Amino acid sequence: MMAFATNVAERVTHQMAADIVVIGSGPGGAVAAMLCAEAGKSVLLVEEGPNLPLQWPPHFSSEEILHKYRNAGVNVALGTTQISYVEGCCVGGGSEVNRGLYHRTPAYVLDAWRDDFDVRHLTLDELMPHFLACEEIARVEYLPGEASSISKRLYEGAKSLGWLAIEAPRLYRYTGRGGSKQSMSETFVPRFLRAGGRLIANTAIRRLTMRGGKWRLDARHAPANGAPQPVEISAATVFVACGAVQTPALLRRSGLRRNVGNSLRFHPMLKVAAEFDEEVNIPGDFDPVHQIKEFEPNFGMGCSISSQALLALALANRADFLAHVGNRWRHMGIYYVQTTGGRATVRNLPFFRDPLVRVQHSEWDLLQYGQGLRRLAEALFAAGAVAVYPCLRDYPVLRSMADICKWPESLPKEAIGPTSVHVFASCPMGENAKSAADSFGRVREADGLYITDASVLCGPTVVNPQGTVMAIAHRNAMHAIESRFT
């Protein structure tokens, strides 16, 4: 393993203090921390994971999974139909490990949140200045050249069927065939440090308590070399941005349980591998960017990173196909259908570090998985696929459009194992009885405590959520600065 300096702006001591502490440096926490530091406050940004360069380990490598993901990428929401989900755990959070596909929140999603949770001042027009402010710092760009063949195939298949399909922009600064992802460690965190903010990594917050008019944070710092050490941090104001699973776990450990951890949501994905006669998977091509929007909000479709190793992993439940993947991987790509299914709870267990996540699926959820897979296969055959391999146990390989009827319309609960890279809505904001925080993320009955990550969203965003998380974090932090500090 390569060694890197932690590059923290603050030496960790047993007792630390700031005006404001932000817990978590992902898209929500980094945005809030930067705004508070630029408002002239003393801000300490605390990250549980390590502080590593954006380009190391290499993106989508096994080393990246080991060093930048929570629990090396192994997290499971338990239930009859389980969902395996991943979370970033490093400075920059999920922005360091995702592909940076970017969307503003659809107006109909915001309309539903206002109706369901009585969230105030959350129209698309009201949120637009916050999107624009974030996009000015973290660039959003379209491909400067031609998309990869595996990406274009999905687009072409959809268009031939008359379906709506798009090229999604990315949080990425392109320079020729290369460039740099606009992750938090490249954008908001450096600006936070330039404004005088302080950053400590490898430090987990165990519990929050209010004593003497200030929040006291019980923390444990785990240096790269040396034994873990306890740290107590004090602040008048705390922004919690630990992620949609760890945020409710921390709040519940701290005795804050009202509507906390009862409504976790996902964007579950089911994948297939498609094979074409021609080579479509060329090393060095741009990451795939095309998406099918025709059937949203029920489900959407897209294309994944499709290296030989990831193809082998996707088809690991088809051992007889591994040699075929080795010979034909340049003719193959991984595609997914993404739904909004599954509703989960987050609960702490005695003597366990991580919380228990339990998920339930409705019959409607299972129907969307089945319909989504069938539509995805249609698009791929329309794009010229000669075979579609479902990444599911005991499901037949499809060789033509006529074979699609071999897949059931509604998938049995035990047969599927969806994955998710998007989790949110475990501590929804709003003004009604279902909300954990007010319309701007302030935790009820907890003065000076705010939630500023995907937890505070009111449900699935349908589109890739990072743009929404950043914009709402910007909105909520600006409201806190104006109402609390001025």
Protein backbone atom coordinates (compact mmCIF):
# COMPACT_ATOMS: atom_id res chain seq x y z
CA MET A 1 0.00 0.00 0.00
CA MET A 2 1.22 3.49 -0.82
CA ALA A 3 1.53 5.87 2.11
CA PHE A 4 0.18 9.41 2.03
CA ALA A 5 0.36 12.25 4.48
CA THR A 6 -3.00 12.86 6.07
CA ASN A 7 -2.81 16.54 5.10
CA VAL A 8 -5.12 17.62 7.92
CA ALA A 9 -5.25 21.29 8.79
CA GLU A 10 -5.43 20.68 12.52
CA ARG A 11 -3.47 18.55 14.94
CA VAL A 12 -5.85 16.30 16.87
CA THR A 13 -5.77 16.83 20.64
CA HIS A 14 -7.80 15.33 23.48
CA GLN A 15 -9.96 18.44 23.75
CA MET A 16 -10.96 20.60 20.78
CA ALA A 17 -13.42 23.44 20.23
CA ALA A 18 -14.95 25.54 17.47
CA ASP A 19 -17.94 27.77 16.87
CA ILE A 20 -19.31 25.16 14.48
CA VAL A 21 -18.54 21.48 13.99
CA VAL A 22 -19.54 19.73 10.77
CA ILE A 23 -19.55 15.93 11.02
CA GLY A 24 -18.88 14.37 7.63
CA SER A 25 -17.14 15.84 4.58
CA GLY A 26 -19.29 14.48 1.74
CA PRO A 27 -21.38 16.65 -0.60
CA GLY A 28 -23.63 17.92 2.21
CA GLY A 29 -21.02 18.46 4.90
CA ALA A 30 -18.36 20.02 2.68
CA VAL A 31 -20.80 22.58 1.26
CA ALA A 32 -22.08 23.58 4.71
CA ALA A 33 -18.57 23.74 6.19
CA MET A 34 -17.32 26.00 3.40
CA LEU A 35 -20.22 28.42 3.75
CA CYS A 36 -19.82 28.66 7.53
CA ALA A 37 -16.06 29.22 7.25
CA GLU A 38 -16.55 31.90 4.62
CA ALA A 39 -19.06 33.56 6.97
CA GLY A 40 -16.16 34.13 9.36
CA LYS A 41 -16.90 31.39 11.86
CA SER A 42 -14.42 29.01 13.47
CA VAL A 43 -15.34 25.70 11.81
CA LEU A 44 -14.01 22.20 12.45
CA LEU A 45 -14.80 19.61 9.78
CA VAL A 46 -14.60 16.07 11.18
CA GLU A 47 -14.32 13.03 8.90
CA GLU A 48 -14.44 9.41 10.04
CA GLY A 49 -12.51 8.08 7.05
CA PRO A 50 -8.99 8.80 5.77
CA ASN A 51 -7.82 11.79 3.76
CA LEU A 52 -6.51 10.36 0.49
CA PRO A 53 -5.77 11.89 -2.91
CA LEU A 54 -8.60 11.82 -5.42
CA GLN A 55 -6.56 9.78 -7.90
CA TRP A 56 -5.38 7.17 -5.39
CA PRO A 57 -6.39 4.45 -5.22
CA PRO A 58 -7.37 4.21 -8.91
CA HIS A 59 -11.08 4.72 -9.51
CA PHE A 60 -13.24 1.57 -9.51
CA SER A 61 -10.34 -0.59 -8.32
CA SER A 62 -10.35 -3.13 -5.52
CA GLU A 63 -7.93 -0.86 -3.63
CA GLU A 64 -10.41 2.01 -3.82
CA ILE A 65 -13.13 -0.22 -2.38
CA LEU A 66 -10.85 -1.22 0.49
CA HIS A 67 -9.64 2.29 1.34
CA LYS A 68 -12.50 4.67 0.48
CA TYR A 69 -15.70 2.69 1.08
CA ARG A 70 -17.31 1.97 4.43
CA ASN A 71 -16.75 -1.66 5.40
CA ALA A 72 -14.95 -2.29 2.09
CA GLY A 73 -18.26 -1.84 0.29
CA VAL A 74 -20.10 -4.55 2.24
CA ASN A 75 -23.33 -3.13 3.71
CA VAL A 76 -26.65 -4.92 3.57
CA ALA A 77 -30.23 -3.85 4.29
CA LEU A 78 -31.77 -7.07 5.57
CA GLY A 79 -35.17 -8.36 4.54
CA THR A 80 -36.87 -10.94 2.35
CA THR A 81 -35.44 -8.98 -0.55
CA GLN A 82 -32.10 -7.64 0.66
CA ILE A 83 -30.41 -4.56 -0.76
CA SER A 84 -26.62 -4.35 -0.79
CA TYR A 85 -25.59 -0.71 -0.63
CA VAL A 86 -22.31 1.19 -0.58
CA GLU A 87 -21.20 4.36 1.21
CA GLY A 88 -18.06 6.41 0.81
CA CYS A 89 -15.96 6.75 3.96
CA CYS A 90 -13.15 9.21 3.31
CA VAL A 91 -12.63 12.95 2.99
CA GLY A 92 -15.13 13.92 0.30
CA GLY A 93 -17.45 10.99 1.01
CA GLY A 94 -19.36 9.50 -1.87
CA SER A 95 -18.25 12.24 -4.25
CA GLU A 96 -14.78 10.66 -4.29
CA VAL A 97 -15.96 7.27 -5.52
CA ASN A 98 -19.04 7.93 -7.68
CA ARG A 99 -19.08 8.81 -11.38
CA GLY A 100 -20.34 12.32 -10.73
CA LEU A 101 -23.40 12.11 -12.99
CA TYR A 102 -25.30 15.31 -12.31
CA HIS A 103 -28.94 16.40 -12.35
CA ARG A 104 -30.97 19.13 -10.75
CA THR A 105 -33.96 17.84 -8.82
CA PRO A 106 -37.05 17.43 -11.03
CA ALA A 107 -39.80 19.91 -10.16
CA TYR A 108 -42.32 17.09 -9.64
CA VAL A 109 -40.09 15.58 -6.92
CA LEU A 110 -39.92 18.88 -5.04
CA ASP A 111 -43.69 19.31 -5.47
CA ALA A 112 -44.27 15.88 -3.89
CA TRP A 113 -41.97 16.68 -0.96
CA ARG A 114 -43.82 19.92 -0.26
CA ASP A 115 -47.15 18.11 -0.38
CA ASP A 116 -46.09 15.09 1.68
CA PHE A 117 -43.95 16.80 4.34
CA ASP A 118 -45.10 20.42 4.23
CA VAL A 119 -41.59 21.65 3.38
CA ARG A 120 -41.54 25.42 3.08
CA HIS A 121 -39.78 27.41 0.36
CA LEU A 122 -38.76 24.41 -1.75
CA THR A 123 -39.90 25.16 -5.28
CA LEU A 124 -37.47 24.64 -8.14
CA ASP A 125 -37.28 28.42 -8.61
CA GLU A 126 -36.37 28.88 -4.94
CA LEU A 127 -33.73 26.14 -5.11
CA MET A 128 -32.21 27.31 -8.41
CA PRO A 129 -29.83 29.93 -6.91
CA HIS A 130 -28.34 27.19 -4.75
CA PHE A 131 -27.83 24.87 -7.72
CA LEU A 132 -26.11 27.69 -9.57
CA ALA A 133 -23.89 28.60 -6.62
CA CYS A 134 -22.70 25.00 -6.24
CA GLU A 135 -22.20 24.57 -9.99
CA GLU A 136 -19.99 27.65 -10.05
CA ILE A 137 -17.61 25.97 -7.59
CA ALA A 138 -17.84 22.37 -8.82
CA ARG A 139 -17.95 22.47 -12.61
CA VAL A 140 -20.64 20.52 -14.47
CA GLU A 141 -19.68 19.59 -18.03
CA TYR A 142 -20.80 17.43 -20.92
CA LEU A 143 -18.39 15.17 -22.76
CA PRO A 144 -15.98 17.14 -24.97
CA GLY A 145 -15.92 14.34 -27.52
CA GLU A 146 -17.75 11.23 -28.59
CA ALA A 147 -19.27 8.99 -25.94
CA SER A 148 -18.16 5.39 -25.53
CA SER A 149 -19.81 2.75 -27.70
CA ILE A 150 -21.41 0.94 -24.76
CA SER A 151 -22.99 4.24 -23.71
CA LYS A 152 -24.16 5.18 -27.21
CA ARG A 153 -25.71 1.74 -27.74
CA LEU A 154 -28.17 2.35 -24.90
CA TYR A 155 -29.09 5.75 -26.31
CA GLU A 156 -29.52 4.43 -29.85
CA GLY A 157 -31.68 1.53 -28.69
CA ALA A 158 -33.96 3.86 -26.76
CA LYS A 159 -34.29 6.34 -29.64
CA SER A 160 -35.14 3.57 -32.10
CA LEU A 161 -38.06 2.64 -29.83
CA GLY A 162 -39.18 6.27 -29.56
CA TRP A 163 -38.16 6.56 -25.90
CA LEU A 164 -36.73 9.61 -24.17
CA ALA A 165 -32.98 9.23 -23.58
CA ILE A 166 -30.32 11.78 -22.70
CA GLU A 167 -26.62 12.33 -22.19
CA ALA A 168 -26.18 13.21 -18.50
CA PRO A 169 -23.57 15.84 -17.61
CA ARG A 170 -20.99 15.13 -14.94
CA LEU A 171 -19.29 16.94 -12.11
CA TYR A 172 -16.08 16.81 -14.10
CA ARG A 173 -13.53 19.21 -15.55
CA TYR A 174 -12.49 17.72 -18.88
CA THR A 175 -9.08 18.36 -20.42
CA GLY A 176 -8.84 16.50 -23.70
CA ARG A 177 -9.21 12.78 -23.07
CA GLY A 178 -8.56 13.22 -19.36
CA GLY A 179 -9.54 15.64 -16.65
CA SER A 180 -10.50 15.71 -12.99
CA LYS A 181 -13.66 14.74 -11.20
CA GLN A 182 -15.15 17.66 -9.30
CA SER A 183 -15.30 15.80 -6.00
CA MET A 184 -15.44 17.56 -2.64
CA SER A 185 -11.71 17.08 -2.08
CA GLU A 186 -11.07 18.98 -5.33
CA THR A 187 -13.59 21.79 -4.84
CA PHE A 188 -15.40 22.65 -1.61
CA VAL A 189 -12.91 21.20 0.90
CA PRO A 190 -9.92 23.20 -0.44
CA ARG A 191 -12.03 26.35 -0.48
CA PHE A 192 -13.12 25.60 3.10
CA LEU A 193 -9.47 25.32 4.16
CA ARG A 194 -8.54 28.55 2.36
CA ALA A 195 -11.28 30.30 4.37
CA GLY A 196 -9.60 29.24 7.60
CA GLY A 197 -11.55 26.04 8.25
CA ARG A 198 -9.89 23.17 10.07
CA LEU A 199 -10.11 19.51 9.01
CA ILE A 200 -9.43 16.34 10.95
CA ALA A 201 -9.75 12.87 9.42
CA ASN A 202 -9.88 9.34 10.86
CA THR A 203 -12.13 10.63 13.64
CA ALA A 204 -15.51 9.04 14.39
CA ILE A 205 -18.18 10.76 16.48
CA ARG A 206 -19.87 8.36 18.88
CA ARG A 207 -22.41 10.57 20.67
CA LEU A 208 -23.70 14.14 21.00
CA THR A 209 -24.79 15.70 24.29
CA MET A 210 -25.83 19.21 25.26
CA ARG A 211 -24.05 20.47 28.38
CA GLY A 212 -23.67 24.03 29.60
CA GLY A 213 -25.30 25.49 26.53
CA LYS A 214 -22.87 23.76 24.12
CA TRP A 215 -22.78 20.54 22.20
CA ARG A 216 -20.19 18.04 23.41
CA LEU A 217 -19.05 15.45 20.89
CA ASP A 218 -17.64 12.19 22.14
CA ALA A 219 -15.14 11.19 19.43
CA ARG A 220 -12.42 8.63 18.79
CA HIS A 221 -9.43 9.45 16.63
CA ALA A 222 -7.66 6.53 14.92
CA PRO A 223 -4.29 7.72 13.61
CA ALA A 224 -2.63 5.79 10.80
CA ASN A 225 0.14 4.78 13.17
CA GLY A 226 -0.75 4.45 16.82
CA ALA A 227 -3.55 3.49 19.15
CA PRO A 228 -7.00 5.13 18.93
CA GLN A 229 -7.44 8.01 21.30
CA PRO A 230 -10.56 9.64 22.80
CA VAL A 231 -11.31 13.23 21.82
CA GLU A 232 -13.94 15.61 23.20
CA ILE A 233 -15.07 18.38 20.88
CA SER A 234 -17.28 21.29 21.91
CA ALA A 235 -19.28 23.70 19.74
CA ALA A 236 -22.34 25.90 19.91
CA THR A 237 -23.61 24.62 16.55
CA VAL A 238 -23.34 21.19 14.92
CA PHE A 239 -24.15 20.11 11.37
CA VAL A 240 -24.53 16.34 11.01
CA ALA A 241 -23.63 14.95 7.58
CA CYS A 242 -22.62 11.33 8.24
CA GLY A 243 -24.75 9.81 5.48
CA ALA A 244 -28.29 8.50 5.39
CA VAL A 245 -27.47 5.47 7.55
CA GLN A 246 -24.85 6.80 9.95
CA THR A 247 -26.63 10.13 10.61
CA PRO A 248 -29.77 8.54 12.11
CA ALA A 249 -27.57 6.04 13.96
CA LEU A 250 -25.63 8.90 15.59
CA LEU A 251 -28.77 10.85 16.44
CA ARG A 252 -30.48 7.82 17.95
CA ARG A 253 -27.38 7.00 20.04
CA SER A 254 -27.61 10.59 21.27
CA GLY A 255 -31.24 10.19 22.40
CA LEU A 256 -32.80 12.00 19.40
CA ARG A 257 -35.31 9.56 17.93
CA ARG A 258 -38.40 11.49 16.78
CA ASN A 259 -38.94 10.38 13.16
CA VAL A 260 -35.23 9.52 12.99
CA GLY A 261 -34.27 6.37 11.11
CA ASN A 262 -37.82 5.33 10.20
CA SER A 263 -37.96 6.19 6.49
CA LEU A 264 -34.69 5.25 4.74
CA ARG A 265 -35.07 5.04 0.96
CA PHE A 266 -32.92 3.78 -1.91
CA HIS A 267 -32.43 3.78 -5.64
CA PRO A 268 -32.10 -0.02 -5.98
CA MET A 269 -30.50 -1.35 -9.16
CA LEU A 270 -30.70 -4.64 -11.03
CA LYS A 271 -28.07 -5.25 -13.69
CA VAL A 272 -27.62 -7.18 -16.90
CA ALA A 273 -24.64 -7.75 -19.17
CA ALA A 274 -25.31 -7.31 -22.88
CA GLU A 275 -23.17 -8.84 -25.62
CA PHE A 276 -22.79 -7.38 -29.11
CA ASP A 277 -21.23 -8.70 -32.33
CA GLU A 278 -18.86 -5.72 -32.52
CA GLU A 279 -16.31 -4.55 -29.98
CA VAL A 280 -18.00 -1.84 -27.89
CA ASN A 281 -15.94 -1.86 -24.68
CA ILE A 282 -12.68 -0.09 -25.46
CA PRO A 283 -10.19 0.70 -22.65
CA GLY A 284 -9.58 4.45 -22.44
CA ASP A 285 -13.06 5.45 -23.60
CA PHE A 286 -14.95 8.05 -21.58
CA ASP A 287 -17.14 6.75 -18.75
CA PRO A 288 -20.70 5.97 -19.96
CA VAL A 289 -23.14 8.87 -19.61
CA HIS A 290 -26.39 8.01 -21.41
CA GLN A 291 -29.62 7.34 -19.52
CA ILE A 292 -33.17 6.37 -20.50
CA LYS A 293 -35.76 8.67 -18.91
CA GLU A 294 -38.92 7.42 -20.62
CA PHE A 295 -40.32 5.55 -17.62
CA GLU A 296 -39.33 7.81 -14.73
CA PRO A 297 -40.34 8.18 -11.95
CA ASN A 298 -41.15 4.45 -11.88
CA PHE A 299 -37.71 3.41 -13.13
CA GLY A 300 -34.77 4.67 -15.16
CA MET A 301 -31.96 2.93 -17.03
CA GLY A 302 -28.27 3.51 -17.59
CA CYS A 303 -24.86 2.01 -18.29
CA SER A 304 -22.19 1.11 -15.75
CA ILE A 305 -18.40 0.93 -15.75
CA SER A 306 -17.73 -2.34 -17.58
CA SER A 307 -14.13 -3.44 -17.08
CA GLN A 308 -13.31 -7.12 -17.49
CA ALA A 309 -13.10 -7.51 -13.71
CA LEU A 310 -16.47 -5.85 -13.11
CA LEU A 311 -18.11 -7.94 -15.83
CA ALA A 312 -16.77 -11.08 -14.19
CA LEU A 313 -18.09 -9.87 -10.83
CA ALA A 314 -21.51 -9.02 -12.28
CA LEU A 315 -21.82 -12.54 -13.71
CA ALA A 316 -20.20 -14.33 -10.77
CA ASN A 317 -23.42 -16.29 -10.18
CA ARG A 318 -22.99 -17.76 -13.68
CA ALA A 319 -19.74 -19.66 -13.22
CA ASP A 320 -20.04 -21.25 -16.66
CA PHE A 321 -19.84 -17.78 -18.24
CA LEU A 322 -16.54 -16.66 -16.68
CA ALA A 323 -14.43 -18.07 -19.52
CA HIS A 324 -16.83 -16.51 -22.00
CA VAL A 325 -16.39 -13.12 -20.31
CA GLY A 326 -12.61 -13.54 -20.51
CA ASN A 327 -12.82 -14.06 -24.26
CA ARG A 328 -15.62 -11.63 -25.12
CA TRP A 329 -15.52 -8.80 -22.57
CA ARG A 330 -14.69 -6.18 -25.21
CA HIS A 331 -18.02 -7.07 -26.83
CA MET A 332 -19.94 -6.63 -23.57
CA GLY A 333 -21.27 -3.90 -21.30
CA ILE A 334 -23.08 -3.71 -17.97
CA TYR A 335 -26.45 -1.97 -17.92
CA TYR A 336 -28.90 -1.33 -15.09
CA VAL A 337 -32.49 -0.53 -14.28
CA GLN A 338 -32.91 1.73 -11.25
CA THR A 339 -36.14 2.05 -9.25
CA THR A 340 -37.25 3.80 -6.07
CA GLY A 341 -38.29 0.60 -4.28
CA GLY A 342 -37.75 -0.47 -0.69
CA ARG A 343 -38.41 1.29 2.60
CA ALA A 344 -36.13 0.70 5.55
CA THR A 345 -35.47 1.46 9.20
CA VAL A 346 -32.15 2.19 10.92
CA ARG A 347 -31.61 0.93 14.47
CA ASN A 348 -28.59 0.60 16.72
CA LEU A 349 -27.78 -2.71 18.40
CA PRO A 350 -25.88 -3.16 21.67
CA PHE A 351 -22.20 -4.03 21.19
CA PHE A 352 -22.33 -3.50 17.40
CA ARG A 353 -20.51 -0.63 15.69
CA ASP A 354 -22.82 -0.35 12.70
CA PRO A 355 -26.61 -0.10 12.87
CA LEU A 356 -29.11 -2.69 11.70
CA VAL A 357 -30.89 -1.70 8.49
CA ARG A 358 -34.10 -3.62 7.71
CA VAL A 359 -35.90 -3.16 4.39
CA GLN A 360 -39.32 -4.15 3.07
CA HIS A 361 -40.54 -4.25 -0.53
CA SER A 362 -44.11 -3.93 -1.72
CA GLU A 363 -45.66 -5.89 -4.56
CA TRP A 364 -45.54 -2.67 -6.60
CA ASP A 365 -41.77 -2.46 -6.01
CA LEU A 366 -41.29 -5.99 -7.33
CA LEU A 367 -43.44 -5.21 -10.35
CA GLN A 368 -41.22 -2.21 -11.20
CA TYR A 369 -38.09 -4.39 -11.04
CA GLY A 370 -39.64 -6.86 -13.46
CA GLN A 371 -41.01 -4.29 -15.87
CA GLY A 372 -37.77 -2.35 -15.77
CA LEU A 373 -35.68 -5.39 -16.68
CA ARG A 374 -37.97 -6.24 -19.58
CA ARG A 375 -37.80 -2.68 -20.92
CA LEU A 376 -34.01 -2.62 -20.52
CA ALA A 377 -33.72 -5.84 -22.53
CA GLU A 378 -35.93 -4.30 -25.25
CA ALA A 379 -33.61 -1.30 -25.53
CA LEU A 380 -30.51 -3.47 -25.70
CA PHE A 381 -31.88 -5.77 -28.41
CA ALA A 382 -33.02 -2.68 -30.33
CA ALA A 383 -29.39 -1.51 -30.04
CA GLY A 384 -28.08 -4.72 -31.62
CA ALA A 385 -27.37 -6.96 -28.64
CA VAL A 386 -27.02 -10.67 -29.49
CA ALA A 387 -27.47 -11.79 -25.87
CA VAL A 388 -28.59 -10.32 -22.56
CA TYR A 389 -27.35 -12.00 -19.37
CA PRO A 390 -29.35 -11.10 -16.23
CA CYS A 391 -27.22 -10.72 -13.11
CA LEU A 392 -29.76 -12.80 -11.20
CA ARG A 393 -29.78 -16.37 -9.96
CA ASP A 394 -31.51 -18.94 -12.18
CA TYR A 395 -32.70 -16.48 -14.80
CA PRO A 396 -32.40 -17.48 -18.46
CA VAL A 397 -30.13 -15.80 -20.95
CA LEU A 398 -32.08 -13.93 -23.60
CA ARG A 399 -31.03 -14.27 -27.25
CA SER A 400 -33.67 -12.15 -28.99
CA MET A 401 -36.54 -9.74 -28.43
CA ALA A 402 -38.93 -12.72 -28.54
CA ASP A 403 -37.22 -14.24 -25.47
CA ILE A 404 -38.20 -11.34 -23.21
CA CYS A 405 -41.43 -13.09 -22.25
CA LYS A 406 -39.25 -15.67 -20.46
CA TRP A 407 -38.74 -13.11 -17.68
CA PRO A 408 -41.63 -12.76 -15.23
CA GLU A 409 -43.46 -9.43 -15.06
CA SER A 410 -43.07 -9.27 -11.26
CA LEU A 411 -39.92 -10.68 -9.73
CA PRO A 412 -40.16 -13.06 -6.75
CA LYS A 413 -38.72 -11.56 -3.57
CA GLU A 414 -36.21 -14.34 -2.99
CA ALA A 415 -34.78 -14.31 -6.51
CA ILE A 416 -33.29 -10.83 -6.65
CA GLY A 417 -30.53 -9.06 -4.80
CA PRO A 418 -30.58 -5.42 -5.82
CA THR A 419 -27.70 -3.09 -5.09
CA SER A 420 -27.75 0.64 -4.41
CA VAL A 421 -25.28 3.51 -4.44
CA HIS A 422 -27.92 6.09 -3.45
CA VAL A 423 -29.47 6.16 0.03
CA PHE A 424 -31.45 9.00 1.57
CA ALA A 425 -34.54 10.25 3.45
CA SER A 426 -33.89 8.68 6.88
CA CYS A 427 -34.47 12.01 8.70
CA PRO A 428 -36.83 13.97 6.43
CA MET A 429 -37.28 17.71 6.75
CA GLY A 430 -40.62 19.51 6.84
CA GLU A 431 -43.25 20.92 9.15
CA ASN A 432 -45.66 18.03 9.65
CA ALA A 433 -45.78 15.09 12.05
CA LYS A 434 -43.61 12.86 9.80
CA SER A 435 -40.58 15.16 9.80
CA ALA A 436 -37.39 14.73 11.84
CA ALA A 437 -36.18 18.27 11.16
CA ASP A 438 -37.79 21.54 10.16
CA SER A 439 -37.90 22.81 6.59
CA PHE A 440 -34.25 23.91 6.78
CA GLY A 441 -32.76 20.87 8.51
CA ARG A 442 -32.82 21.99 12.16
CA VAL A 443 -33.45 19.00 14.42
CA ARG A 444 -36.56 19.56 16.49
CA GLU A 445 -36.08 20.28 20.19
CA ALA A 446 -32.29 20.43 19.72
CA ASP A 447 -31.05 24.01 19.58
CA GLY A 448 -28.10 24.50 17.24
CA LEU A 449 -28.26 20.98 15.70
CA TYR A 450 -28.78 20.61 11.94
CA ILE A 451 -28.84 17.77 9.42
CA THR A 452 -27.16 18.61 6.11
CA ASP A 453 -26.82 15.44 4.03
CA ALA A 454 -29.02 13.04 2.06
CA SER A 455 -30.77 12.02 5.30
CA VAL A 456 -32.80 15.24 5.26
CA LEU A 457 -34.29 14.65 1.80
CA CYS A 458 -37.92 13.59 1.86
CA GLY A 459 -37.63 10.64 -0.52
CA PRO A 460 -35.85 9.37 -3.61
CA THR A 461 -34.70 12.05 -6.02
CA VAL A 462 -35.36 9.71 -9.01
CA VAL A 463 -32.27 11.24 -10.69
CA ASN A 464 -28.67 11.01 -9.45
CA PRO A 465 -28.88 12.77 -6.07
CA GLN A 466 -25.56 14.58 -5.56
CA GLY A 467 -26.79 17.80 -7.15
CA THR A 468 -29.84 17.78 -4.88
CA VAL A 469 -27.78 17.10 -1.75
CA MET A 470 -25.38 19.95 -2.54
CA ALA A 471 -28.12 22.46 -3.37
CA ILE A 472 -30.20 21.70 -0.29
CA ALA A 473 -27.10 21.75 1.92
CA HIS A 474 -26.30 25.18 0.45
CA ARG A 475 -29.88 26.35 1.03
CA ASN A 476 -30.06 25.07 4.60
CA ALA A 477 -26.61 26.33 5.60
CA MET A 478 -27.34 29.78 4.20
CA HIS A 479 -30.60 29.86 6.18
CA ALA A 480 -28.77 28.85 9.36
CA ILE A 481 -26.09 31.50 8.83
CA GLU A 482 -28.66 34.23 8.23
CA SER A 483 -31.00 33.24 11.06
CA ARG A 484 -28.50 32.09 13.70
CA PHE A 485 -25.31 34.02 13.14
CA THR A 486 -26.47 37.45 11.93
